[in-house]
Amino acid sequence: YEPLLGEISIPVRLIWGREDRILPPQYAEWLHERIP
């Protein structure tokens, strides 16, 4: 589904813990780039 992320049209909110050691902040940035 990765190629389809940019096609999401519904409202989307991303929330991320700055100190996340499981999925560090770069994963939030990766997702934000694909759902602008």
Full PDB file with SEQRES, HELIX, SHEET, SSBOND, CRYST1, ORIGX, SCALE, CONECT and MASTER records, all heavy atoms in Angstrom:
SEQRES   1 A   36  TYR GLU PRO LEU LEU GLY GLU ILE SER ILE PRO VAL ARG          
SEQRES   2 A   36  LEU ILE TRP GLY ARG GLU ASP ARG ILE LEU PRO PRO GLN          
SEQRES   3 A   36  TYR ALA GLU TRP LEU HIS GLU ARG ILE PRO                      
HELIX    1 AA1 GLU A    2  GLU A    7  5                                   6    
HELIX    2 AA2 PRO A   25  ARG A   34  1                                  10    
CRYST1    1.000    1.000    1.000  90.00  90.00  90.00 P 1           1          
ORIGX1      1.000000  0.000000  0.000000        0.00000                         
ORIGX2      0.000000  1.000000  0.000000        0.00000                         
ORIGX3      0.000000  0.000000  1.000000        0.00000                         
SCALE1      1.000000  0.000000  0.000000        0.00000                         
SCALE2      0.000000  1.000000  0.000000        0.00000                         
SCALE3      0.000000  0.000000  1.000000        0.00000                         
ATOM      1  N   TYR A   1       0.810  -1.224   0.000  1.00  0.00           N  
ATOM      2  CA  TYR A   1       0.000   0.000   0.000  1.00  0.00           C  
ATOM      3  C   TYR A   1       0.846   1.279   0.000  1.00  0.00           C  
ATOM      4  O   TYR A   1       0.293   2.377  -0.114  1.00  0.00           O  
ATOM      5  CB  TYR A   1      -0.978   0.020   1.181  1.00  0.00           C  
ATOM      6  CG  TYR A   1      -0.371   0.064   2.561  1.00  0.00           C  
ATOM      7  CD1 TYR A   1       0.347   1.173   3.016  1.00  0.00           C  
ATOM      8  CD2 TYR A   1      -0.546  -0.994   3.454  1.00  0.00           C  
ATOM      9  CE1 TYR A   1       0.893   1.216   4.288  1.00  0.00           C  
ATOM     10  CE2 TYR A   1      -0.009  -0.950   4.729  1.00  0.00           C  
ATOM     11  CZ  TYR A   1       0.706   0.156   5.139  1.00  0.00           C  
ATOM     12  OH  TYR A   1       1.241   0.202   6.403  1.00  0.00           O  
ATOM     13  N   GLU A   2       2.152   1.171   0.129  1.00  0.00           N  
ATOM     14  CA  GLU A   2       3.001   2.376   0.187  1.00  0.00           C  
ATOM     15  C   GLU A   2       2.767   3.337  -0.985  1.00  0.00           C  
ATOM     16  O   GLU A   2       2.655   4.553  -0.775  1.00  0.00           O  
ATOM     17  CB  GLU A   2       4.481   1.996   0.274  1.00  0.00           C  
ATOM     18  CG  GLU A   2       4.917   1.573   1.657  1.00  0.00           C  
ATOM     19  CD  GLU A   2       6.418   1.318   1.731  1.00  0.00           C  
ATOM     20  OE1 GLU A   2       7.165   1.887   0.895  1.00  0.00           O  
ATOM     21  OE2 GLU A   2       6.846   0.566   2.612  1.00  0.00           O  
ATOM     22  N   PRO A   3       2.657   2.836  -2.235  1.00  0.00           N  
ATOM     23  CA  PRO A   3       2.430   3.770  -3.345  1.00  0.00           C  
ATOM     24  C   PRO A   3       1.083   4.494  -3.266  1.00  0.00           C  
ATOM     25  O   PRO A   3       0.878   5.483  -3.985  1.00  0.00           O  
ATOM     26  CB  PRO A   3       2.485   2.861  -4.584  1.00  0.00           C  
ATOM     27  CG  PRO A   3       3.214   1.640  -4.146  1.00  0.00           C  
ATOM     28  CD  PRO A   3       2.849   1.459  -2.711  1.00  0.00           C  
ATOM     29  N   LEU A   4       0.173   4.012  -2.418  1.00  0.00           N  
ATOM     30  CA  LEU A   4      -1.165   4.587  -2.320  1.00  0.00           C  
ATOM     31  C   LEU A   4      -1.292   5.627  -1.214  1.00  0.00           C  
ATOM     32  O   LEU A   4      -2.331   6.286  -1.103  1.00  0.00           O  
ATOM     33  CB  LEU A   4      -2.195   3.469  -2.075  1.00  0.00           C  
ATOM     34  CG  LEU A   4      -2.198   2.319  -3.089  1.00  0.00           C  
ATOM     35  CD1 LEU A   4      -3.197   1.245  -2.661  1.00  0.00           C  
ATOM     36  CD2 LEU A   4      -2.523   2.832  -4.486  1.00  0.00           C  
ATOM     37  N   LEU A   5      -0.253   5.786  -0.395  1.00  0.00           N  
ATOM     38  CA  LEU A   5      -0.349   6.700   0.742  1.00  0.00           C  
ATOM     39  C   LEU A   5      -0.661   8.130   0.294  1.00  0.00           C  
ATOM     40  O   LEU A   5      -1.431   8.842   0.948  1.00  0.00           O  
ATOM     41  CB  LEU A   5       0.957   6.682   1.552  1.00  0.00           C  
ATOM     42  CG  LEU A   5       1.232   5.401   2.339  1.00  0.00           C  
ATOM     43  CD1 LEU A   5       2.654   5.416   2.910  1.00  0.00           C  
ATOM     44  CD2 LEU A   5       0.213   5.211   3.466  1.00  0.00           C  
ATOM     45  N   GLY A   6      -0.094   8.546  -0.815  1.00  0.00           N  
ATOM     46  CA  GLY A   6      -0.325   9.897  -1.308  1.00  0.00           C  
ATOM     47  C   GLY A   6      -1.734  10.128  -1.818  1.00  0.00           C  
ATOM     48  O   GLY A   6      -2.126  11.277  -2.063  1.00  0.00           O  
ATOM     49  N   GLU A   7      -2.498   9.040  -1.989  1.00  0.00           N  
ATOM     50  CA  GLU A   7      -3.869   9.154  -2.477  1.00  0.00           C  
ATOM     51  C   GLU A   7      -4.888   9.290  -1.361  1.00  0.00           C  
ATOM     52  O   GLU A   7      -6.080   9.480  -1.617  1.00  0.00           O  
ATOM     53  CB  GLU A   7      -4.216   7.939  -3.347  1.00  0.00           C  
ATOM     54  CG  GLU A   7      -3.323   7.800  -4.579  1.00  0.00           C  
ATOM     55  CD  GLU A   7      -3.656   6.572  -5.399  1.00  0.00           C  
ATOM     56  OE1 GLU A   7      -4.731   5.960  -5.163  1.00  0.00           O  
ATOM     57  OE2 GLU A   7      -2.852   6.212  -6.273  1.00  0.00           O  
ATOM     58  N   ILE A   8      -4.444   9.184  -0.117  1.00  0.00           N  
ATOM     59  CA  ILE A   8      -5.380   9.326   1.003  1.00  0.00           C  
ATOM     60  C   ILE A   8      -5.938  10.740   1.007  1.00  0.00           C  
ATOM     61  O   ILE A   8      -5.191  11.722   1.024  1.00  0.00           O  
ATOM     62  CB  ILE A   8      -4.677   9.015   2.340  1.00  0.00           C  
ATOM     63  CG1 ILE A   8      -4.224   7.550   2.383  1.00  0.00           C  
ATOM     64  CG2 ILE A   8      -5.601   9.319   3.517  1.00  0.00           C  
ATOM     65  CD1 ILE A   8      -3.416   7.191   3.620  1.00  0.00           C  
ATOM     66  N   SER A   9      -7.249  10.842   0.999  1.00  0.00           N  
ATOM     67  CA  SER A   9      -7.882  12.166   0.930  1.00  0.00           C  
ATOM     68  C   SER A   9      -8.584  12.566   2.215  1.00  0.00           C  
ATOM     69  O   SER A   9      -8.919  13.735   2.393  1.00  0.00           O  
ATOM     70  CB  SER A   9      -8.876  12.213  -0.232  1.00  0.00           C  
ATOM     71  OG  SER A   9      -9.876  11.221  -0.073  1.00  0.00           O  
ATOM     72  N   ILE A  10      -8.813  11.603   3.123  1.00  0.00           N  
ATOM     73  CA  ILE A  10      -9.488  11.934   4.377  1.00  0.00           C  
ATOM     74  C   ILE A  10      -8.530  12.715   5.283  1.00  0.00           C  
ATOM     75  O   ILE A  10      -7.305  12.680   5.089  1.00  0.00           O  
ATOM     76  CB  ILE A  10      -9.978  10.664   5.107  1.00  0.00           C  
ATOM     77  CG1 ILE A  10      -8.790   9.738   5.441  1.00  0.00           C  
ATOM     78  CG2 ILE A  10     -11.034   9.923   4.294  1.00  0.00           C  
ATOM     79  CD1 ILE A  10      -9.164   8.575   6.346  1.00  0.00           C  
ATOM     80  N   PRO A  11      -9.048  13.427   6.266  1.00  0.00           N  
ATOM     81  CA  PRO A  11      -8.163  14.109   7.220  1.00  0.00           C  
ATOM     82  C   PRO A  11      -7.276  13.116   7.968  1.00  0.00           C  
ATOM     83  O   PRO A  11      -7.752  12.061   8.412  1.00  0.00           O  
ATOM     84  CB  PRO A  11      -9.145  14.793   8.172  1.00  0.00           C  
ATOM     85  CG  PRO A  11     -10.409  14.933   7.389  1.00  0.00           C  
ATOM     86  CD  PRO A  11     -10.471  13.729   6.509  1.00  0.00           C  
ATOM     87  N   VAL A  12      -5.998  13.433   8.095  1.00  0.00           N  
ATOM     88  CA  VAL A  12      -5.025  12.570   8.774  1.00  0.00           C  
ATOM     89  C   VAL A  12      -4.225  13.402   9.764  1.00  0.00           C  
ATOM     90  O   VAL A  12      -3.761  14.499   9.441  1.00  0.00           O  
ATOM     91  CB  VAL A  12      -4.065  11.890   7.774  1.00  0.00           C  
ATOM     92  CG1 VAL A  12      -3.029  11.043   8.519  1.00  0.00           C  
ATOM     93  CG2 VAL A  12      -4.830  11.036   6.768  1.00  0.00           C  
ATOM     94  N   ARG A  13      -4.067  12.856  10.962  1.00  0.00           N  
ATOM     95  CA  ARG A  13      -3.266  13.508  12.007  1.00  0.00           C  
ATOM     96  C   ARG A  13      -2.190  12.530  12.455  1.00  0.00           C  
ATOM     97  O   ARG A  13      -2.459  11.352  12.698  1.00  0.00           O  
ATOM     98  CB  ARG A  13      -4.177  13.888  13.172  1.00  0.00           C  
ATOM     99  CG  ARG A  13      -3.481  14.411  14.414  1.00  0.00           C  
ATOM    100  CD  ARG A  13      -4.517  14.914  15.416  1.00  0.00           C  
ATOM    101  NE  ARG A  13      -5.593  13.952  15.624  1.00  0.00           N  
ATOM    102  CZ  ARG A  13      -6.790  14.257  16.164  1.00  0.00           C  
ATOM    103  NH1 ARG A  13      -7.039  15.506  16.527  1.00  0.00           N  
ATOM    104  NH2 ARG A  13      -7.715  13.331  16.335  1.00  0.00           N  
ATOM    105  N   LEU A  14      -0.960  13.002  12.560  1.00  0.00           N  
ATOM    106  CA  LEU A  14       0.173  12.212  13.037  1.00  0.00           C  
ATOM    107  C   LEU A  14       0.638  12.791  14.366  1.00  0.00           C  
ATOM    108  O   LEU A  14       0.802  14.003  14.497  1.00  0.00           O  
ATOM    109  CB  LEU A  14       1.324  12.235  12.027  1.00  0.00           C  
ATOM    110  CG  LEU A  14       0.979  11.919  10.563  1.00  0.00           C  
ATOM    111  CD1 LEU A  14       2.229  12.060   9.698  1.00  0.00           C  
ATOM    112  CD2 LEU A  14       0.380  10.533  10.438  1.00  0.00           C  
ATOM    113  N   ILE A  15       0.857  11.924  15.352  1.00  0.00           N  
ATOM    114  CA  ILE A  15       1.338  12.333  16.671  1.00  0.00           C  
ATOM    115  C   ILE A  15       2.515  11.425  17.011  1.00  0.00           C  
ATOM    116  O   ILE A  15       2.422  10.207  16.830  1.00  0.00           O  
ATOM    117  CB  ILE A  15       0.231  12.198  17.745  1.00  0.00           C  
ATOM    118  CG1 ILE A  15      -1.088  12.829  17.263  1.00  0.00           C  
ATOM    119  CG2 ILE A  15       0.669  12.825  19.060  1.00  0.00           C  
ATOM    120  CD1 ILE A  15      -2.277  12.486  18.156  1.00  0.00           C  
ATOM    121  N   TRP A  16       3.612  11.995  17.516  1.00  0.00           N  
ATOM    122  CA  TRP A  16       4.808  11.168  17.738  1.00  0.00           C  
ATOM    123  C   TRP A  16       5.554  11.599  18.993  1.00  0.00           C  
ATOM    124  O   TRP A  16       5.770  12.798  19.225  1.00  0.00           O  
ATOM    125  CB  TRP A  16       5.756  11.279  16.557  1.00  0.00           C  
ATOM    126  CG  TRP A  16       6.265   9.953  16.075  1.00  0.00           C  
ATOM    127  CD1 TRP A  16       7.411   9.317  16.469  1.00  0.00           C  
ATOM    128  CD2 TRP A  16       5.642   9.104  15.108  1.00  0.00           C  
ATOM    129  NE1 TRP A  16       7.545   8.123  15.807  1.00  0.00           N  
ATOM    130  CE2 TRP A  16       6.473   7.962  14.964  1.00  0.00           C  
ATOM    131  CE3 TRP A  16       4.467   9.187  14.347  1.00  0.00           C  
ATOM    132  CZ2 TRP A  16       6.166   6.928  14.079  1.00  0.00           C  
ATOM    133  CZ3 TRP A  16       4.157   8.154  13.482  1.00  0.00           C  
ATOM    134  CH2 TRP A  16       4.995   7.045  13.355  1.00  0.00           C  
ATOM    135  N   GLY A  17       5.977  10.613  19.782  1.00  0.00           N  
ATOM    136  CA  GLY A  17       6.830  10.881  20.931  1.00  0.00           C  
ATOM    137  C   GLY A  17       8.257  11.170  20.485  1.00  0.00           C  
ATOM    138  O   GLY A  17       8.846  10.381  19.735  1.00  0.00           O  
ATOM    139  N   ARG A  18       8.816  12.273  20.941  1.00  0.00           N  
ATOM    140  CA  ARG A  18      10.184  12.647  20.548  1.00  0.00           C  
ATOM    141  C   ARG A  18      11.212  11.604  20.984  1.00  0.00           C  
ATOM    142  O   ARG A  18      12.276  11.465  20.376  1.00  0.00           O  
ATOM    143  CB  ARG A  18      10.546  13.993  21.187  1.00  0.00           C  
ATOM    144  CG  ARG A  18       9.835  15.192  20.604  1.00  0.00           C  
ATOM    145  CD  ARG A  18      10.569  15.753  19.424  1.00  0.00           C  
ATOM    146  NE  ARG A  18      10.059  17.071  19.067  1.00  0.00           N  
ATOM    147  CZ  ARG A  18      10.361  17.692  17.937  1.00  0.00           C  
ATOM    148  NH1 ARG A  18      11.167  17.109  17.063  1.00  0.00           N  
ATOM    149  NH2 ARG A  18       9.865  18.887  17.675  1.00  0.00           N  
ATOM    150  N   GLU A  19      10.897  10.877  22.083  1.00  0.00           N  
ATOM    151  CA  GLU A  19      11.859   9.925  22.644  1.00  0.00           C  
ATOM    152  C   GLU A  19      11.526   8.479  22.280  1.00  0.00           C  
ATOM    153  O   GLU A  19      11.964   7.550  22.957  1.00  0.00           O  
ATOM    154  CB  GLU A  19      11.898  10.071  24.177  1.00  0.00           C  
ATOM    155  CG  GLU A  19      12.112  11.485  24.676  1.00  0.00           C  
ATOM    156  CD  GLU A  19      13.392  12.102  24.175  1.00  0.00           C  
ATOM    157  OE1 GLU A  19      14.374  11.359  24.001  1.00  0.00           O  
ATOM    158  OE2 GLU A  19      13.410  13.337  23.941  1.00  0.00           O  
ATOM    159  N   ASP A  20      10.765   8.282  21.224  1.00  0.00           N  
ATOM    160  CA  ASP A  20      10.394   6.930  20.797  1.00  0.00           C  
ATOM    161  C   ASP A  20      11.649   6.173  20.361  1.00  0.00           C  
ATOM    162  O   ASP A  20      12.320   6.568  19.409  1.00  0.00           O  
ATOM    163  CB  ASP A  20       9.384   7.010  19.649  1.00  0.00           C  
ATOM    164  CG  ASP A  20       8.757   5.663  19.307  1.00  0.00           C  
ATOM    165  OD1 ASP A  20       9.365   4.621  19.599  1.00  0.00           O  
ATOM    166  OD2 ASP A  20       7.645   5.663  18.741  1.00  0.00           O  
ATOM    167  N   ARG A  21      11.953   5.066  21.046  1.00  0.00           N  
ATOM    168  CA  ARG A  21      13.103   4.235  20.685  1.00  0.00           C  
ATOM    169  C   ARG A  21      12.694   3.062  19.787  1.00  0.00           C  
ATOM    170  O   ARG A  21      13.559   2.421  19.195  1.00  0.00           O  
ATOM    171  CB  ARG A  21      13.785   3.704  21.953  1.00  0.00           C  
ATOM    172  CG  ARG A  21      14.437   4.784  22.803  1.00  0.00           C  
ATOM    173  CD  ARG A  21      15.197   4.188  23.984  1.00  0.00           C  
ATOM    174  NE  ARG A  21      14.311   3.599  24.964  1.00  0.00           N  
ATOM    175  CZ  ARG A  21      13.872   4.220  26.059  1.00  0.00           C  
ATOM    176  NH1 ARG A  21      14.230   5.476  26.297  1.00  0.00           N  
ATOM    177  NH2 ARG A  21      13.080   3.604  26.924  1.00  0.00           N  
ATOM    178  N   ILE A  22      11.408   2.749  19.740  1.00  0.00           N  
ATOM    179  CA  ILE A  22      10.922   1.655  18.898  1.00  0.00           C  
ATOM    180  C   ILE A  22      10.804   2.130  17.447  1.00  0.00           C  
ATOM    181  O   ILE A  22      11.294   1.488  16.523  1.00  0.00           O  
ATOM    182  CB  ILE A  22       9.555   1.142  19.402  1.00  0.00           C  
ATOM    183  CG1 ILE A  22       9.624   0.763  20.888  1.00  0.00           C  
ATOM    184  CG2 ILE A  22       9.093  -0.043  18.556  1.00  0.00           C  
ATOM    185  CD1 ILE A  22      10.509  -0.399  21.220  1.00  0.00           C  
ATOM    186  N   LEU A  23      10.123   3.251  17.263  1.00  0.00           N  
ATOM    187  CA  LEU A  23       9.969   3.884  15.951  1.00  0.00           C  
ATOM    188  C   LEU A  23      10.400   5.344  16.097  1.00  0.00           C  
ATOM    189  O   LEU A  23       9.565   6.215  16.351  1.00  0.00           O  
ATOM    190  CB  LEU A  23       8.520   3.787  15.462  1.00  0.00           C  
ATOM    191  CG  LEU A  23       8.016   2.381  15.106  1.00  0.00           C  
ATOM    192  CD1 LEU A  23       6.505   2.394  14.947  1.00  0.00           C  
ATOM    193  CD2 LEU A  23       8.691   1.863  13.837  1.00  0.00           C  
ATOM    194  N   PRO A  24      11.675   5.612  15.987  1.00  0.00           N  
ATOM    195  CA  PRO A  24      12.197   6.975  16.209  1.00  0.00           C  
ATOM    196  C   PRO A  24      11.555   8.012  15.278  1.00  0.00           C  
ATOM    197  O   PRO A  24      10.878   7.664  14.303  1.00  0.00           O  
ATOM    198  CB  PRO A  24      13.697   6.817  15.945  1.00  0.00           C  
ATOM    199  CG  PRO A  24      13.977   5.375  16.195  1.00  0.00           C  
ATOM    200  CD  PRO A  24      12.760   4.645  15.729  1.00  0.00           C  
ATOM    201  N   PRO A  25      11.760   9.302  15.572  1.00  0.00           N  
ATOM    202  CA  PRO A  25      11.076  10.374  14.844  1.00  0.00           C  
ATOM    203  C   PRO A  25      11.202  10.339  13.323  1.00  0.00           C  
ATOM    204  O   PRO A  25      10.322  10.842  12.628  1.00  0.00           O  
ATOM    205  CB  PRO A  25      11.722  11.638  15.425  1.00  0.00           C  
ATOM    206  CG  PRO A  25      12.036  11.264  16.836  1.00  0.00           C  
ATOM    207  CD  PRO A  25      12.493   9.835  16.751  1.00  0.00           C  
ATOM    208  N   GLN A  26      12.265   9.745  12.785  1.00  0.00           N  
ATOM    209  CA  GLN A  26      12.386   9.724  11.326  1.00  0.00           C  
ATOM    210  C   GLN A  26      11.246   8.952  10.666  1.00  0.00           C  
ATOM    211  O   GLN A  26      10.920   9.182   9.496  1.00  0.00           O  
ATOM    212  CB  GLN A  26      13.730   9.158  10.875  1.00  0.00           C  
ATOM    213  CG  GLN A  26      14.034   7.737  11.283  1.00  0.00           C  
ATOM    214  CD  GLN A  26      14.926   7.677  12.519  1.00  0.00           C  
ATOM    215  OE1 GLN A  26      14.837   8.547  13.398  1.00  0.00           O  
ATOM    216  NE2 GLN A  26      15.788   6.679  12.567  1.00  0.00           N  
ATOM    217  N   TYR A  27      10.614   8.029  11.426  1.00  0.00           N  
ATOM    218  CA  TYR A  27       9.473   7.294  10.864  1.00  0.00           C  
ATOM    219  C   TYR A  27       8.259   8.204  10.729  1.00  0.00           C  
ATOM    220  O   TYR A  27       7.450   8.038   9.812  1.00  0.00           O  
ATOM    221  CB  TYR A  27       9.158   6.065  11.722  1.00  0.00           C  
ATOM    222  CG  TYR A  27      10.198   4.981  11.564  1.00  0.00           C  
ATOM    223  CD1 TYR A  27      11.317   4.931  12.389  1.00  0.00           C  
ATOM    224  CD2 TYR A  27      10.090   4.029  10.560  1.00  0.00           C  
ATOM    225  CE1 TYR A  27      12.293   3.961  12.226  1.00  0.00           C  
ATOM    226  CE2 TYR A  27      11.055   3.051  10.385  1.00  0.00           C  
ATOM    227  CZ  TYR A  27      12.162   3.016  11.225  1.00  0.00           C  
ATOM    228  OH  TYR A  27      13.130   2.059  11.045  1.00  0.00           O  
ATOM    229  N   ALA A  28       8.095   9.142  11.650  1.00  0.00           N  
ATOM    230  CA  ALA A  28       7.028  10.137  11.514  1.00  0.00           C  
ATOM    231  C   ALA A  28       7.282  11.019  10.299  1.00  0.00           C  
ATOM    232  O   ALA A  28       6.353  11.333   9.527  1.00  0.00           O  
ATOM    233  CB  ALA A  28       6.948  10.990  12.774  1.00  0.00           C  
ATOM    234  N   GLU A  29       8.535  11.415  10.112  1.00  0.00           N  
ATOM    235  CA  GLU A  29       8.872  12.281   8.986  1.00  0.00           C  
ATOM    236  C   GLU A  29       8.681  11.554   7.662  1.00  0.00           C  
ATOM    237  O   GLU A  29       8.201  12.133   6.674  1.00  0.00           O  
ATOM    238  CB  GLU A  29      10.311  12.773   9.149  1.00  0.00           C  
ATOM    239  CG  GLU A  29      10.473  13.698  10.354  1.00  0.00           C  
ATOM    240  CD  GLU A  29      11.910  13.837  10.825  1.00  0.00           C  
ATOM    241  OE1 GLU A  29      12.792  13.131  10.261  1.00  0.00           O  
ATOM    242  OE2 GLU A  29      12.155  14.632  11.757  1.00  0.00           O  
ATOM    243  N   TRP A  30       9.036  10.265   7.620  1.00  0.00           N  
ATOM    244  CA  TRP A  30       8.833   9.441   6.420  1.00  0.00           C  
ATOM    245  C   TRP A  30       7.357   9.430   6.048  1.00  0.00           C  
ATOM    246  O   TRP A  30       6.984   9.618   4.879  1.00  0.00           O  
ATOM    247  CB  TRP A  30       9.330   8.017   6.693  1.00  0.00           C  
ATOM    248  CG  TRP A  30       9.235   7.072   5.525  1.00  0.00           C  
ATOM    249  CD1 TRP A  30      10.227   6.763   4.641  1.00  0.00           C  
ATOM    250  CD2 TRP A  30       8.094   6.301   5.122  1.00  0.00           C  
ATOM    251  NE1 TRP A  30       9.776   5.860   3.711  1.00  0.00           N  
ATOM    252  CE2 TRP A  30       8.474   5.554   3.987  1.00  0.00           C  
ATOM    253  CE3 TRP A  30       6.798   6.153   5.614  1.00  0.00           C  
ATOM    254  CZ2 TRP A  30       7.597   4.683   3.323  1.00  0.00           C  
ATOM    255  CZ3 TRP A  30       5.915   5.292   4.960  1.00  0.00           C  
ATOM    256  CH2 TRP A  30       6.316   4.570   3.829  1.00  0.00           C  
ATOM    257  N   LEU A  31       6.498   9.224   7.035  1.00  0.00           N  
ATOM    258  CA  LEU A  31       5.061   9.145   6.781  1.00  0.00           C  
ATOM    259  C   LEU A  31       4.500  10.498   6.376  1.00  0.00           C  
ATOM    260  O   LEU A  31       3.672  10.595   5.462  1.00  0.00           O  
ATOM    261  CB  LEU A  31       4.358   8.612   8.030  1.00  0.00           C  
ATOM    262  CG  LEU A  31       2.851   8.354   7.931  1.00  0.00           C  
ATOM    263  CD1 LEU A  31       2.523   7.408   6.780  1.00  0.00           C  
ATOM    264  CD2 LEU A  31       2.334   7.778   9.249  1.00  0.00           C  
ATOM    265  N   HIS A  32       4.971  11.549   7.041  1.00  0.00           N  
ATOM    266  CA  HIS A  32       4.479  12.889   6.740  1.00  0.00           C  
ATOM    267  C   HIS A  32       4.828  13.297   5.308  1.00  0.00           C  
ATOM    268  O   HIS A  32       4.041  13.994   4.633  1.00  0.00           O  
ATOM    269  CB  HIS A  32       5.066  13.890   7.730  1.00  0.00           C  
ATOM    270  CG  HIS A  32       4.396  15.224   7.725  1.00  0.00           C  
ATOM    271  ND1 HIS A  32       5.078  16.393   7.921  1.00  0.00           N  
ATOM    272  CD2 HIS A  32       3.099  15.572   7.527  1.00  0.00           C  
ATOM    273  CE1 HIS A  32       4.235  17.414   7.858  1.00  0.00           C  
ATOM    274  NE2 HIS A  32       3.034  16.946   7.623  1.00  0.00           N  
ATOM    275  N   GLU A  33       5.976  12.874   4.830  1.00  0.00           N  
ATOM    276  CA  GLU A  33       6.365  13.181   3.447  1.00  0.00           C  
ATOM    277  C   GLU A  33       5.425  12.525   2.446  1.00  0.00           C  
ATOM    278  O   GLU A  33       5.216  13.055   1.346  1.00  0.00           O  
ATOM    279  CB  GLU A  33       7.799  12.689   3.190  1.00  0.00           C  
ATOM    280  CG  GLU A  33       8.866  13.510   3.890  1.00  0.00           C  
ATOM    281  CD  GLU A  33      10.242  12.871   3.754  1.00  0.00           C  
ATOM    282  OE1 GLU A  33      10.348  11.803   3.106  1.00  0.00           O  
ATOM    283  OE2 GLU A  33      11.206  13.434   4.303  1.00  0.00           O  
ATOM    284  N   ARG A  34       4.835  11.401   2.823  1.00  0.00           N  
ATOM    285  CA  ARG A  34       3.993  10.647   1.890  1.00  0.00           C  
ATOM    286  C   ARG A  34       2.510  10.976   2.034  1.00  0.00           C  
ATOM    287  O   ARG A  34       1.725  10.647   1.145  1.00  0.00           O  
ATOM    288  CB  ARG A  34       4.258   9.145   2.079  1.00  0.00           C  
ATOM    289  CG  ARG A  34       5.592   8.749   1.461  1.00  0.00           C  
ATOM    290  CD  ARG A  34       6.207   7.517   2.076  1.00  0.00           C  
ATOM    291  NE  ARG A  34       7.490   7.231   1.404  1.00  0.00           N  
ATOM    292  CZ  ARG A  34       8.632   7.867   1.692  1.00  0.00           C  
ATOM    293  NH1 ARG A  34       8.658   8.808   2.631  1.00  0.00           N  
ATOM    294  NH2 ARG A  34       9.750   7.560   1.047  1.00  0.00           N  
ATOM    295  N   ILE A  35       2.124  11.583   3.148  1.00  0.00           N  
ATOM    296  CA  ILE A  35       0.755  12.091   3.306  1.00  0.00           C  
ATOM    297  C   ILE A  35       0.895  13.572   3.628  1.00  0.00           C  
ATOM    298  O   ILE A  35       0.745  14.000   4.776  1.00  0.00           O  
ATOM    299  CB  ILE A  35      -0.015  11.342   4.418  1.00  0.00           C  
ATOM    300  CG1 ILE A  35       0.128   9.827   4.273  1.00  0.00           C  
ATOM    301  CG2 ILE A  35      -1.502  11.722   4.383  1.00  0.00           C  
ATOM    302  CD1 ILE A  35      -0.561   9.042   5.375  1.00  0.00           C  
ATOM    303  N   PRO A  36       1.215  14.391   2.649  1.00  0.00           N  
ATOM    304  CA  PRO A  36       1.618  15.781   2.917  1.00  0.00           C  
ATOM    305  C   PRO A  36       0.539  16.636   3.555  1.00  0.00           C  
ATOM    306  O   PRO A  36       0.855  17.629   4.216  1.00  0.00           O  
ATOM    307  CB  PRO A  36       2.018  16.320   1.542  1.00  0.00           C  
ATOM    308  CG  PRO A  36       1.604  15.311   0.545  1.00  0.00           C  
ATOM    309  CD  PRO A  36       1.351  14.031   1.236  1.00  0.00           C  
TER     310      PRO A  36                                                      
MASTER        0    0    0    2    0    0    0    6  309    1    0    3          
END                                                                             
